[in-house]
Amino acid sequence: MSSPVTKAAPTADEITEADGRAAWGDLRPHLDSLVARYPSRGAALLPVLWHVQRSRGWLTPNSITETAAYLEITQAHVEGVITFYTMFQDAPAGRDVIMVCKTLTCRLRGAQDVIDALEDHFDIHMGDVTADGRYKIEEAECLGLCDMAPCMLVVDKERFGDLTPESAVTCLEERS
C-alpha cells in the first residue's frame, strides 16, 4: 500500500540546475510562436508552461515568476494553474513521470496492485523519484482510458492500458 507523500522543498542547487538547463532567453523564440496563436498572452498559459517544464524538467520558482511576467498575468494565477493540473511539476521530477489512474474504474480493475508492483519493483513510494532519477510515480485522476482500465501514462509520451502488475513493470522496463 502506498505511503502518504510528503513533499520536500526543492534545494537551491536543484533550482539552479533546472534553470540552467534552458535560459529564458533561449526559450523566448518558441514561446513567442506559441503566444502568437492565442487571442491574448494569458490564454497561452498551458502551452507555455508545458514548454518550460519540458525544457527545464520541472517548473522552478524562477520559471513561475518568469512565466507570469512574460504572459503579463499574476504569479498567483500561474501558481494556481500549476497546482490544479496534476501533470505540472513544481518540484524535481524523474525524467519520466508515471501517472497511474486512481479513479473508480481503474481501482475496481486492479490499479492498486499495479501501483504496489511499481513501488516494489522500483523501490520507491508514490511521489518519490527513483535513485537513478529515471521515474517518478504519481496517482492521477482519469486518464481517459476507462475501457482499458487499469491504465497509466508516461507523461508526454505513452499510455498503457489493460495492465496487470507484471505488465506495468514490463512496459516500463522495455522502454529503457
Protein backbone atom coordinates (compact mmCIF):
# COMPACT_ATOMS: atom_id res chain seq x y z
CA MET A 1 0.00 0.00 0.00
CA SER A 2 1.25 3.50 -0.79
CA SER A 3 2.54 5.78 1.91
CA PRO A 4 1.37 9.38 2.11
CA VAL A 5 3.51 11.74 0.07
CA THR A 6 5.49 14.35 1.99
CA LYS A 7 6.73 16.90 -0.47
CA ALA A 8 10.16 18.31 0.39
CA ALA A 9 11.02 21.80 -0.79
CA PRO A 10 13.48 21.87 -3.69
CA THR A 11 17.04 22.76 -2.75
CA ALA A 12 18.82 25.82 -4.12
CA ASP A 13 21.11 23.52 -6.12
CA GLU A 14 18.13 21.73 -7.69
CA ILE A 15 16.58 25.06 -8.68
CA THR A 16 19.84 26.39 -10.14
CA GLU A 17 20.43 23.16 -12.08
CA ALA A 18 16.91 23.16 -13.60
CA ASP A 19 17.01 26.85 -14.50
CA GLY A 20 20.42 26.29 -16.10
CA ARG A 21 19.02 23.66 -18.49
CA ALA A 22 17.27 26.34 -20.53
CA ALA A 23 17.79 30.07 -20.06
CA TRP A 24 14.65 32.16 -20.50
CA GLY A 25 16.19 33.93 -23.48
CA ASP A 26 16.68 30.58 -25.20
CA LEU A 27 13.03 29.70 -24.61
CA ARG A 28 11.65 33.00 -25.96
CA PRO A 29 11.60 32.25 -29.72
CA HIS A 30 9.45 29.15 -29.24
CA LEU A 31 7.30 30.83 -26.59
CA ASP A 32 6.72 33.81 -28.88
CA SER A 33 5.44 31.47 -31.60
CA LEU A 34 3.08 29.79 -29.09
CA VAL A 35 1.70 33.08 -27.78
CA ALA A 36 1.10 34.35 -31.32
CA ARG A 37 -1.57 31.65 -31.79
CA TYR A 38 -3.79 32.96 -28.97
CA PRO A 39 -6.10 35.97 -28.69
CA SER A 40 -4.34 37.20 -25.52
CA ARG A 41 -0.99 36.48 -23.91
CA GLY A 42 -2.54 34.88 -20.82
CA ALA A 43 -4.55 32.44 -22.94
CA ALA A 44 -1.27 30.72 -23.86
CA LEU A 45 -0.50 29.79 -20.24
CA LEU A 46 -0.89 26.00 -20.55
CA PRO A 47 1.28 25.53 -23.66
CA VAL A 48 3.88 27.95 -22.28
CA LEU A 49 4.05 26.00 -19.01
CA TRP A 50 4.36 22.72 -20.94
CA HIS A 51 7.28 24.05 -22.96
CA VAL A 52 9.08 25.49 -19.94
CA GLN A 53 8.58 22.26 -17.99
CA ARG A 54 9.85 20.14 -20.90
CA SER A 55 12.89 22.39 -21.25
CA ARG A 56 13.79 22.63 -17.56
CA GLY A 57 12.47 19.32 -16.23
CA TRP A 58 10.09 20.98 -13.78
CA LEU A 59 8.62 24.40 -13.02
CA THR A 60 11.04 26.17 -10.70
CA PRO A 61 10.10 29.27 -8.67
CA ASN A 62 12.01 31.31 -11.27
CA SER A 63 10.05 29.63 -14.07
CA ILE A 64 6.80 30.65 -12.40
CA THR A 65 7.91 34.26 -11.94
CA GLU A 66 9.28 34.48 -15.49
CA THR A 67 6.13 32.93 -16.98
CA ALA A 68 3.86 35.36 -15.13
CA ALA A 69 5.90 38.38 -16.24
CA TYR A 70 6.15 37.12 -19.82
CA LEU A 71 2.41 36.49 -20.14
CA GLU A 72 1.50 39.65 -18.19
CA ILE A 73 -0.55 37.75 -15.63
CA THR A 74 -0.20 37.38 -11.88
CA GLN A 75 2.16 34.90 -10.32
CA ALA A 76 -0.78 33.69 -8.19
CA HIS A 77 -2.66 32.76 -11.37
CA VAL A 78 0.32 30.76 -12.68
CA GLU A 79 0.74 29.00 -9.32
CA GLY A 80 -2.99 28.23 -9.23
CA VAL A 81 -2.84 26.55 -12.62
CA ILE A 82 0.27 24.57 -11.71
CA THR A 83 -1.26 23.27 -8.51
CA PHE A 84 -4.62 22.50 -10.17
CA TYR A 85 -3.27 20.38 -13.03
CA THR A 86 -1.54 17.22 -11.83
CA MET A 87 0.74 16.97 -14.85
CA PHE A 88 2.69 20.10 -13.93
CA GLN A 89 5.67 19.52 -11.63
CA ASP A 90 6.66 22.23 -9.15
CA ALA A 91 9.44 20.12 -7.65
CA PRO A 92 12.19 17.98 -9.18
CA ALA A 93 10.72 15.03 -11.03
CA GLY A 94 12.12 11.98 -12.73
CA ARG A 95 12.92 12.11 -16.41
CA ASP A 96 9.70 10.15 -16.87
CA VAL A 97 6.67 10.80 -14.68
CA ILE A 98 4.43 7.74 -14.48
CA MET A 99 0.82 8.56 -13.66
CA VAL A 100 -1.41 5.67 -12.63
CA CYS A 101 -5.15 6.32 -12.80
CA LYS A 102 -6.85 6.19 -9.41
CA THR A 103 -10.47 6.64 -10.41
CA LEU A 104 -13.15 4.08 -9.60
CA THR A 105 -13.00 2.09 -12.83
CA CYS A 106 -9.24 1.61 -12.55
CA ARG A 107 -9.39 0.88 -8.82
CA LEU A 108 -12.03 -1.80 -9.37
CA ARG A 109 -9.88 -3.43 -12.04
CA GLY A 110 -6.64 -3.54 -10.02
CA ALA A 111 -4.94 -0.12 -10.09
CA GLN A 112 -3.71 -0.51 -6.51
CA ASP A 113 -2.00 -3.79 -7.41
CA VAL A 114 -0.31 -2.00 -10.32
CA ILE A 115 0.83 0.81 -8.00
CA ASP A 116 2.12 -1.70 -5.44
CA ALA A 117 4.06 -3.59 -8.12
CA LEU A 118 5.68 -0.40 -9.44
CA GLU A 119 6.60 0.74 -5.93
CA ASP A 120 8.08 -2.67 -5.10
CA HIS A 121 9.96 -3.06 -8.37
CA PHE A 122 11.47 0.43 -8.36
CA ASP A 123 11.87 0.56 -4.56
CA ILE A 124 10.08 3.89 -4.14
CA HIS A 125 6.82 5.19 -2.72
CA MET A 126 4.16 7.17 -4.55
CA GLY A 127 5.51 10.66 -5.28
CA ASP A 128 9.19 9.67 -4.95
CA VAL A 129 11.83 9.60 -7.67
CA THR A 130 13.95 6.52 -8.34
CA ALA A 131 17.59 6.65 -7.23
CA ASP A 132 18.75 6.93 -10.85
CA GLY A 133 16.40 9.87 -11.48
CA ARG A 134 14.52 7.99 -14.19
CA TYR A 135 10.99 7.60 -12.80
CA LYS A 136 8.57 9.37 -10.52
CA ILE A 137 5.30 7.57 -9.81
CA GLU A 138 2.13 9.56 -9.15
CA GLU A 139 -1.57 8.90 -8.92
CA ALA A 140 -3.74 10.69 -11.45
CA GLU A 141 -7.37 11.43 -11.99
CA CYS A 142 -8.97 9.91 -15.06
CA LEU A 143 -6.59 9.40 -17.97
CA GLY A 144 -9.45 8.81 -20.40
CA LEU A 145 -8.77 5.11 -20.88
CA CYS A 146 -11.63 3.68 -18.81
CA ASP A 147 -12.23 1.00 -21.44
CA MET A 148 -8.66 -0.21 -20.82
CA ALA A 149 -8.58 0.01 -17.01
CA PRO A 150 -6.32 -0.06 -15.13
CA CYS A 151 -4.10 2.33 -17.03
CA MET A 152 -1.04 4.51 -16.70
CA LEU A 153 0.55 7.35 -18.61
CA VAL A 154 4.21 8.15 -19.10
CA VAL A 155 3.72 11.92 -19.17
CA ASP A 156 4.25 13.48 -22.57
CA LYS A 157 4.96 10.07 -24.14
CA GLU A 158 2.84 6.91 -23.95
CA ARG A 159 -0.34 5.47 -22.49
CA PHE A 160 -0.71 1.87 -21.37
CA GLY A 161 -3.96 0.05 -20.59
CA ASP A 162 -5.34 -3.32 -19.57
CA LEU A 163 -2.48 -3.52 -17.09
CA THR A 164 -1.59 -6.24 -14.66
CA PRO A 165 1.07 -5.67 -12.00
CA GLU A 166 3.51 -7.64 -14.16
CA SER A 167 2.69 -5.91 -17.45
CA ALA A 168 3.02 -2.46 -15.87
CA VAL A 169 6.57 -3.22 -14.78
CA THR A 170 7.36 -4.87 -18.15
CA CYS A 171 6.08 -1.83 -20.10
CA LEU A 172 8.48 0.44 -18.27
CA GLU A 173 11.42 -1.98 -18.37
CA GLU A 174 11.04 -2.37 -22.15
CA ARG A 175 11.24 1.42 -22.58
CA SER A 176 14.77 1.51 -21.14
